[in-house]
Amino acid sequence: MKAVIQRVNNSSVTINATVKSEIGKGLLILVGVEEADNIEDIKWLSSKITQLRIFNDSEGIMNLSVKEIDGEILAISQFTLYAKTKKGNRPSYIQAAKPEISIPLYEQFVEQLGIDLGKEIKTGEFGAYMKVNLENDGPVTIIIDTKNKA
């Protein structure tokens, strides 16, 4: 799994001109799934994200997690994180998992995030055309790939 994690003051996702989900201070997570991903990847990534110390403490040091600030999470599926651009100008998405694999893994990831954070995780809609708004805080953007845990 790959995740692009952005520290935000607020974020929302709109589908067909209707806001589906919105959050205040917290994390916007764009997550991609590949065929080799499994429950261990989900648990590791969820734990890593909810414990990332990327929010400022009272001294202005990034020393607090989203859980410690009682923040929110908006998780959006994004297969384009697995784009390969080595050949030609049209990206290949062959490494991204097919929906029959990626949908259940994405849903398990959202469920695990909710357990680890201790609150509901907001989402978009898998496979829908979405407009994602965010006010990036910092900006702070972190990329994590479960295949590079070391």
Protein backbone atom coordinates (compact mmCIF):
# COMPACT_ATOMS: atom_id res chain seq x y z
CA MET A 1 0.00 0.00 0.00
CA LYS A 2 1.07 3.54 -0.63
CA ALA A 3 -0.20 6.55 1.25
CA VAL A 4 0.24 10.26 0.77
CA ILE A 5 -0.48 11.86 4.13
CA GLN A 6 -1.17 15.58 4.34
CA ARG A 7 -1.55 17.53 7.55
CA VAL A 8 -4.60 19.73 7.04
CA ASN A 9 -6.57 22.45 8.79
CA ASN A 10 -9.62 21.16 6.90
CA SER A 11 -10.47 18.95 3.95
CA SER A 12 -13.55 17.79 2.07
CA VAL A 13 -14.53 15.52 -0.80
CA THR A 14 -17.31 16.39 -3.24
CA ILE A 15 -19.05 13.93 -5.57
CA ASN A 16 -21.61 15.11 -8.15
CA ALA A 17 -21.67 18.64 -6.64
CA THR A 18 -22.50 17.24 -3.17
CA VAL A 19 -20.08 17.25 -0.24
CA LYS A 20 -19.81 13.62 0.85
CA SER A 21 -17.36 14.08 3.72
CA GLU A 22 -15.45 16.84 5.45
CA ILE A 23 -13.04 17.13 8.35
CA GLY A 24 -11.43 19.84 10.43
CA LYS A 25 -7.86 19.63 11.73
CA GLY A 26 -6.29 16.28 10.98
CA LEU A 27 -5.02 14.20 8.08
CA LEU A 28 -6.03 13.78 4.46
CA ILE A 29 -4.81 10.38 3.31
CA LEU A 30 -4.66 9.36 -0.33
CA VAL A 31 -4.22 5.58 -0.38
CA GLY A 32 -3.39 3.17 -3.18
CA VAL A 33 -3.57 -0.61 -3.09
CA GLU A 34 -1.53 -3.14 -5.06
CA GLU A 35 -2.26 -6.84 -5.53
CA ALA A 36 0.45 -7.96 -3.09
CA ASP A 37 -1.04 -6.00 -0.16
CA ASN A 38 -2.51 -7.85 2.81
CA ILE A 39 -3.82 -7.42 6.36
CA GLU A 40 -0.28 -6.99 7.75
CA ASP A 41 0.24 -4.00 5.43
CA ILE A 42 -3.08 -2.54 6.59
CA LYS A 43 -2.28 -2.89 10.28
CA TRP A 44 1.27 -1.56 9.92
CA LEU A 45 0.22 1.44 7.80
CA SER A 46 -2.73 2.36 10.01
CA SER A 47 -0.62 2.20 13.15
CA LYS A 48 2.16 4.23 11.54
CA ILE A 49 -0.25 6.93 10.35
CA THR A 50 -2.15 7.33 13.63
CA GLN A 51 1.12 7.54 15.58
CA LEU A 52 3.02 9.89 13.23
CA ARG A 53 4.19 12.84 15.32
CA ILE A 54 3.59 15.60 12.79
CA PHE A 55 1.44 18.08 14.75
CA ASN A 56 2.96 20.91 16.76
CA ASP A 57 3.12 20.78 20.54
CA SER A 58 2.88 23.89 22.75
CA GLU A 59 6.49 24.78 21.85
CA GLY A 60 5.89 24.60 18.11
CA ILE A 61 7.74 21.28 17.69
CA MET A 62 6.20 18.50 15.58
CA ASN A 63 5.78 16.12 18.48
CA LEU A 64 2.08 15.12 18.54
CA SER A 65 0.07 12.55 16.60
CA VAL A 66 -3.37 12.99 15.06
CA LYS A 67 -4.71 10.90 17.93
CA GLU A 68 -3.08 13.15 20.55
CA ILE A 69 -4.63 16.30 19.07
CA ASP A 70 -8.04 14.59 18.74
CA GLY A 71 -7.83 15.19 14.99
CA GLU A 72 -9.86 13.71 12.18
CA ILE A 73 -8.96 11.63 9.12
CA LEU A 74 -10.32 11.74 5.57
CA ALA A 75 -9.16 8.67 3.59
CA ILE A 76 -9.52 8.69 -0.20
CA SER A 77 -8.73 5.73 -2.46
CA GLN A 78 -6.37 6.67 -5.28
CA PHE A 79 -5.12 3.99 -7.67
CA THR A 80 -3.01 6.57 -9.53
CA LEU A 81 -0.43 6.37 -6.74
CA TYR A 82 0.77 3.26 -8.58
CA ALA A 83 1.32 5.09 -11.88
CA LYS A 84 4.36 3.94 -13.82
CA THR A 85 5.80 6.57 -16.16
CA LYS A 86 9.00 4.91 -17.36
CA LYS A 87 7.79 4.32 -20.92
CA GLY A 88 5.96 6.89 -23.02
CA ASN A 89 3.75 9.69 -21.76
CA ARG A 90 0.65 7.76 -20.75
CA PRO A 91 1.01 6.38 -17.21
CA SER A 92 0.45 2.66 -16.72
CA TYR A 93 -1.59 1.57 -13.71
CA ILE A 94 -0.97 -2.16 -14.09
CA GLN A 95 0.54 -2.39 -10.59
CA ALA A 96 -2.63 -1.06 -8.94
CA ALA A 97 -4.92 -3.80 -7.65
CA LYS A 98 -8.16 -4.53 -9.49
CA PRO A 99 -11.37 -3.43 -7.71
CA GLU A 100 -12.21 -6.94 -6.50
CA ILE A 101 -8.97 -6.87 -4.48
CA SER A 102 -8.57 -3.17 -3.74
CA ILE A 103 -12.10 -2.42 -2.50
CA PRO A 104 -12.06 -4.94 0.38
CA LEU A 105 -8.49 -3.95 1.33
CA TYR A 106 -9.35 -0.24 1.25
CA GLU A 107 -12.44 -0.87 3.40
CA GLN A 108 -10.35 -2.92 5.88
CA PHE A 109 -7.80 -0.09 5.97
CA VAL A 110 -10.51 2.46 6.79
CA GLU A 111 -11.91 0.15 9.48
CA GLN A 112 -8.44 -0.34 11.01
CA LEU A 113 -7.79 3.43 10.97
CA GLY A 114 -11.04 3.90 12.88
CA ILE A 115 -9.97 1.36 15.48
CA ASP A 116 -6.50 2.88 15.83
CA LEU A 117 -7.78 6.48 15.95
CA GLY A 118 -10.79 5.67 18.12
CA LYS A 119 -13.28 7.54 15.94
CA GLU A 120 -15.05 7.41 12.60
CA ILE A 121 -12.93 7.85 9.49
CA LYS A 122 -14.44 9.97 6.74
CA THR A 123 -14.14 8.72 3.17
CA GLY A 124 -14.85 9.45 -0.44
CA GLU A 125 -16.49 6.88 -2.72
CA PHE A 126 -14.37 4.17 -4.27
CA GLY A 127 -14.19 4.56 -8.05
CA ALA A 128 -16.15 7.83 -8.16
CA TYR A 129 -14.95 11.04 -9.76
CA MET A 130 -14.16 13.15 -6.71
CA LYS A 131 -13.10 16.71 -6.07
CA VAL A 132 -10.91 16.89 -2.99
CA ASN A 133 -10.38 20.22 -1.25
CA LEU A 134 -7.78 20.79 1.41
CA GLU A 135 -6.03 23.49 3.33
CA ASN A 136 -2.59 21.98 3.80
CA ASP A 137 -1.10 22.95 7.16
CA GLY A 138 2.62 23.66 6.95
CA PRO A 139 2.63 22.27 4.33
CA VAL A 140 3.39 18.86 5.78
CA THR A 141 3.17 15.96 3.33
CA ILE A 142 4.54 12.47 4.00
CA ILE A 143 4.65 9.50 1.62
CA ILE A 144 4.67 5.96 3.04
CA ASP A 145 5.00 2.71 1.11
CA THR A 146 4.42 -0.50 3.06
CA LYS A 147 6.94 -2.26 0.81
CA ASN A 148 9.68 0.03 2.23
CA LYS A 149 9.22 -0.46 5.98
CA ALA A 150 12.92 -0.42 6.77
